[in-house]
Protein backbone atom coordinates (compact mmCIF):
# COMPACT_ATOMS: atom_id res chain seq x y z
CA MET A 1 7.42 64.82 -112.49
CA ALA A 2 3.85 63.60 -112.68
CA ASP A 3 2.55 61.36 -109.93
CA ILE A 4 0.25 58.58 -111.19
CA ILE A 5 -2.38 57.39 -108.72
CA LYS A 6 -4.73 54.51 -109.47
CA ILE A 7 -8.29 55.22 -108.28
CA ASN A 8 -9.75 51.89 -109.41
CA ASP A 9 -9.27 49.36 -112.20
CA ASN A 10 -10.47 51.76 -114.89
CA THR A 11 -9.63 55.20 -113.50
CA TRP A 12 -6.38 57.04 -112.75
CA ARG A 13 -5.52 60.54 -111.66
CA ILE A 14 -2.25 62.15 -112.66
CA GLU A 15 -0.98 64.86 -110.30
CA ASP A 16 1.04 67.59 -112.03
CA GLY A 17 1.99 70.01 -109.29
CA MET A 18 -0.98 72.26 -108.55
CA VAL A 19 -3.19 70.67 -111.21
CA ARG A 20 -4.33 67.16 -112.03
CA PHE A 21 -5.85 65.29 -114.93
CA TYR A 22 -7.50 61.91 -115.37
CA LEU A 23 -7.52 58.74 -117.44
CA PHE A 24 -10.83 56.87 -117.79
CA THR A 25 -11.15 53.50 -119.54
CA GLY A 26 -14.13 51.43 -120.65
CA ARG A 27 -14.39 48.12 -122.47
CA LYS A 28 -13.50 49.60 -125.87
CA ARG A 29 -11.84 53.00 -125.48
CA ALA A 30 -9.81 55.19 -123.15
CA LEU A 31 -10.17 58.92 -122.58
CA LEU A 32 -7.59 61.31 -121.17
CA ILE A 33 -9.29 64.28 -119.52
CA ASP A 34 -6.89 67.25 -119.84
CA THR A 35 -3.09 66.98 -120.07
CA GLY A 36 -1.85 69.13 -117.20
CA MET A 37 0.51 72.06 -116.86
CA THR A 38 3.97 70.56 -117.45
CA THR A 39 3.29 66.98 -118.51
CA LYS A 40 4.29 67.02 -122.18
CA ASN A 41 4.33 63.20 -122.11
CA ALA A 42 0.73 62.85 -120.91
CA LYS A 43 -0.11 60.62 -123.87
CA GLU A 44 2.84 58.33 -123.13
CA ILE A 45 1.75 58.06 -119.52
CA ALA A 46 -1.79 57.13 -120.56
CA GLU A 47 -0.55 54.56 -123.07
CA SER A 48 1.60 52.97 -120.37
CA LEU A 49 -1.58 52.36 -118.36
CA THR A 50 -3.89 51.02 -121.08
CA ALA A 51 -3.64 49.41 -124.52
CA LEU A 52 -7.09 50.69 -125.52
CA PRO A 53 -7.47 53.30 -128.29
CA LEU A 54 -6.90 56.65 -126.61
CA SER A 55 -8.68 59.99 -127.10
CA LEU A 56 -8.33 63.36 -125.38
CA ILE A 57 -10.92 65.79 -124.08
CA ASN A 58 -10.21 69.19 -122.54
CA THR A 59 -12.47 70.58 -119.83
CA HIS A 60 -11.28 74.02 -120.99
CA ALA A 61 -8.26 75.53 -122.73
CA ASP A 62 -6.33 77.33 -119.97
CA ARG A 63 -2.61 76.62 -120.31
CA ASP A 64 -2.39 74.51 -117.17
CA HIS A 65 -4.72 71.93 -118.77
CA THR A 66 -3.18 71.52 -122.23
CA ALA A 67 0.56 70.88 -121.79
CA GLY A 68 0.46 67.47 -123.47
CA ASN A 69 -2.11 68.23 -126.16
CA GLY A 70 0.52 68.43 -128.89
CA ALA A 71 0.81 64.65 -129.04
CA PHE A 72 -2.82 64.30 -130.14
CA ALA A 73 -4.13 64.82 -133.67
CA GLU A 74 -7.69 65.33 -132.40
CA ILE A 75 -9.11 66.84 -129.22
CA TYR A 76 -12.66 66.88 -127.93
CA MET A 77 -13.39 70.42 -126.73
CA SER A 78 -16.17 72.98 -126.62
CA PRO A 79 -15.91 75.12 -129.77
CA LYS A 80 -16.15 78.17 -127.50
CA GLU A 81 -12.69 77.27 -126.18
CA GLU A 82 -11.03 76.96 -129.56
CA PRO A 83 -10.17 80.69 -129.98
CA LEU A 84 -8.25 80.67 -126.68
CA TYR A 85 -6.65 77.34 -127.58
CA ARG A 86 -5.45 78.62 -130.97
CA ASN A 87 -4.21 81.88 -129.45
CA GLN A 88 -1.95 79.75 -127.27
CA ASN A 89 -0.67 77.89 -130.36
CA GLY A 90 -2.81 74.87 -129.63
CA THR A 91 -2.52 72.17 -132.29
CA GLY A 92 -4.71 69.34 -133.50
CA MET A 93 -8.23 69.21 -134.89
CA VAL A 94 -10.92 70.21 -132.42
CA ILE A 95 -13.90 67.85 -132.31
CA PRO A 96 -16.70 69.96 -130.84
CA VAL A 97 -18.69 68.77 -127.85
CA LYS A 98 -21.70 70.37 -126.23
CA GLU A 99 -24.36 69.92 -123.57
CA GLY A 100 -25.99 66.49 -123.78
CA ASP A 101 -23.34 64.80 -125.94
CA VAL A 102 -22.28 61.38 -124.71
CA ILE A 103 -18.88 59.79 -125.24
CA ASP A 104 -19.24 56.05 -124.61
CA LEU A 105 -16.00 54.27 -123.76
CA GLY A 106 -17.77 50.92 -123.92
CA GLY A 107 -20.10 50.39 -121.00
CA ARG A 108 -18.98 53.72 -119.56
CA PRO A 109 -21.05 56.63 -120.92
CA LEU A 110 -19.68 60.09 -120.21
CA ARG A 111 -22.19 62.93 -120.51
CA ILE A 112 -21.08 66.47 -121.38
CA ILE A 113 -22.48 69.35 -119.31
CA ASP A 114 -21.84 72.96 -120.33
CA VAL A 115 -20.62 75.04 -117.36
CA PRO A 116 -19.44 78.41 -118.78
CA GLY A 117 -18.20 81.15 -116.48
CA HIS A 118 -14.63 80.30 -115.55
CA THR A 119 -14.11 80.21 -119.32
CA PRO A 120 -16.74 80.53 -122.09
CA GLY A 121 -16.55 76.87 -123.05
CA SER A 122 -15.86 75.14 -119.75
CA ILE A 123 -17.47 71.72 -119.52
CA ALA A 124 -18.07 69.15 -116.82
CA ILE A 125 -18.23 65.42 -117.53
CA LEU A 126 -20.70 63.13 -115.79
CA ASP A 127 -19.52 59.53 -115.47
CA GLU A 128 -23.03 58.15 -115.16
CA LYS A 129 -22.34 54.57 -114.12
CA ASN A 130 -19.62 55.42 -111.63
CA ARG A 131 -21.55 58.41 -110.26
CA VAL A 132 -18.65 60.83 -110.63
CA LEU A 133 -18.60 64.41 -111.93
CA VAL A 134 -15.35 65.65 -113.47
CA SER A 135 -15.62 69.39 -112.95
CA GLY A 136 -12.60 71.02 -114.58
CA ASP A 137 -11.91 74.21 -112.63
CA SER A 138 -15.55 75.15 -112.11
CA VAL A 139 -16.15 73.09 -108.96
CA GLN A 140 -13.21 72.85 -106.57
CA ASN A 141 -12.25 73.85 -103.04
CA GLY A 142 -9.15 75.70 -104.23
CA ASN A 143 -9.15 79.22 -105.68
CA ILE A 144 -11.22 79.82 -108.80
CA TYR A 145 -9.96 82.40 -111.32
CA MET A 146 -12.76 84.79 -112.21
CA PHE A 147 -10.86 87.86 -113.43
CA GLY A 148 -9.71 88.95 -116.84
CA PRO A 149 -11.09 88.59 -120.36
CA LYS A 150 -13.78 85.97 -120.98
CA ARG A 151 -14.41 85.19 -117.29
CA ASP A 152 -18.06 85.82 -116.42
CA LEU A 153 -19.39 85.62 -112.87
CA ASN A 154 -23.04 85.70 -113.94
CA ASP A 155 -22.46 82.77 -116.28
CA PHE A 156 -20.67 80.94 -113.46
CA ILE A 157 -23.70 81.39 -111.19
CA LYS A 158 -26.03 80.11 -113.92
CA SER A 159 -23.74 77.10 -114.43
CA MET A 160 -23.80 76.21 -110.74
CA GLU A 161 -27.59 76.49 -110.81
CA HIS A 162 -27.60 74.24 -113.86
CA LEU A 163 -25.40 71.65 -112.12
CA LYS A 164 -27.91 71.48 -109.28
CA LYS A 165 -30.26 69.78 -111.75
CA TYR A 166 -27.90 66.81 -111.61
CA ASP A 167 -28.13 66.45 -107.83
CA GLY A 168 -28.44 62.78 -106.91
CA GLN A 169 -26.70 61.59 -110.09
CA TYR A 170 -23.17 61.68 -108.68
CA ASP A 171 -21.55 61.08 -105.31
CA GLU A 172 -18.10 62.61 -105.83
CA VAL A 173 -16.55 65.49 -107.75
CA TYR A 174 -13.17 65.03 -109.41
CA ALA A 175 -11.74 68.54 -109.67
CA MET A 176 -8.52 69.60 -111.39
CA HIS A 177 -7.33 71.70 -108.41
CA GLY A 178 -7.77 71.55 -104.66
CA ASN A 179 -8.64 68.40 -102.75
CA PHE A 180 -9.50 65.07 -104.33
CA PRO A 181 -12.34 64.24 -104.28
CA VAL A 182 -14.85 66.82 -103.08
CA GLY A 183 -18.55 66.41 -102.37
CA PRO A 184 -21.58 67.44 -104.46
CA GLU A 185 -22.66 69.91 -101.77
CA LEU A 186 -19.81 72.19 -102.90
CA VAL A 187 -21.83 73.19 -105.99
CA GLY A 188 -24.45 74.97 -103.91
CA LYS A 189 -21.83 76.63 -101.74
CA LEU A 190 -19.95 78.00 -104.74
CA CYS A 191 -23.21 79.30 -106.19
CA ASP A 192 -23.99 81.13 -102.94
CA GLY A 193 -20.47 82.58 -102.71
CA ALA A 194 -20.54 83.82 -106.29
CA ARG A 195 -23.90 85.46 -105.69
CA GLN A 196 -22.50 87.25 -102.65
CA ILE A 197 -19.61 88.57 -104.74
CA ARG A 198 -21.95 89.68 -107.53
CA ASP A 199 -24.27 91.43 -105.07
CA GLY A 200 -21.46 93.21 -103.23
CA LEU A 201 -22.06 91.28 -100.01
CA ALA A 202 -18.71 89.46 -99.84
CA LYS A 203 -15.65 91.06 -98.28
CA GLY A 204 -12.59 90.86 -100.50
CA GLU A 205 -8.92 91.72 -100.21
CA LYS A 206 -7.04 93.55 -102.95
CA ILE A 207 -3.91 91.64 -103.97
CA ASN A 208 -1.51 91.42 -106.89
CA LEU A 209 -1.56 88.03 -108.60
CA PHE A 210 1.04 87.41 -111.29
CA GLY A 211 1.08 91.12 -112.12
CA ASN A 212 -2.71 91.49 -112.05
CA ASP A 213 -4.58 93.60 -109.51
CA VAL A 214 -7.44 91.40 -108.30
CA THR A 215 -9.81 91.04 -105.39
CA PHE A 216 -9.48 87.82 -103.43
CA TYR A 217 -12.62 86.49 -101.77
CA LYS A 218 -11.97 83.71 -99.28
CA PHE A 219 -14.79 81.50 -98.04
CA ASP A 220 -14.39 78.52 -95.75
CA TYR A 221 -15.04 76.13 -98.67
CA ALA A 222 -13.11 77.82 -101.56
CA GLY A 223 -11.73 81.11 -102.84
CA PHE A 224 -12.38 83.34 -105.83
CA PHE A 225 -9.94 85.65 -107.59
CA GLY A 226 -12.24 88.33 -108.94
CA GLU A 227 -12.00 91.64 -110.73
CA CYS A 228 -10.34 94.42 -108.75
CA VAL A 229 -13.00 96.64 -107.16
CA ASP A 230 -12.71 99.85 -105.16
């Protein structure tokens, strides 16, 4: 059962086991950011917390972020995520978002930042007035999945470098996994760790994860599940 935690008067986080999602409200609109792994009633939960018109945005289309999407007729999402979303029988009309787009909830502008790598269309969302970055799975102190089709470590590194351009514009990172919240300094650490993996400088352990042979790289700030290497 989802655990609803109020962050402040216009922000909630909903804990769904090993993943979380968020509800942001402004003066005119509300936005649900992802719908979790098992929370089919995510829309009902959001509507119990606000009477404002409600929309949904997905940070990416992995299954553990879209459980409650079926209740929405429209979903904001990067168009690069739509093929994965449809392959998983995702429903609703996708409203494309991209780098630089702003969704204004009414005095609460949310800026879209493209952060491909974990998935081709992963996005982060900068809550400019509240100085918060919602990072999806791309910035977290848990274990980041970087193996299998469509994951791209080089793109991930470029995305972390891109996020560094926003240094000083946010004070906290709201991730979907791991601890809540984490600090902006994690972006640089993840970038360094990913570079070490790419350059063959990181020591990894071969493990089997859900039937997949992968290499697990554990740093003191996060982990990466990468492609299996000899």
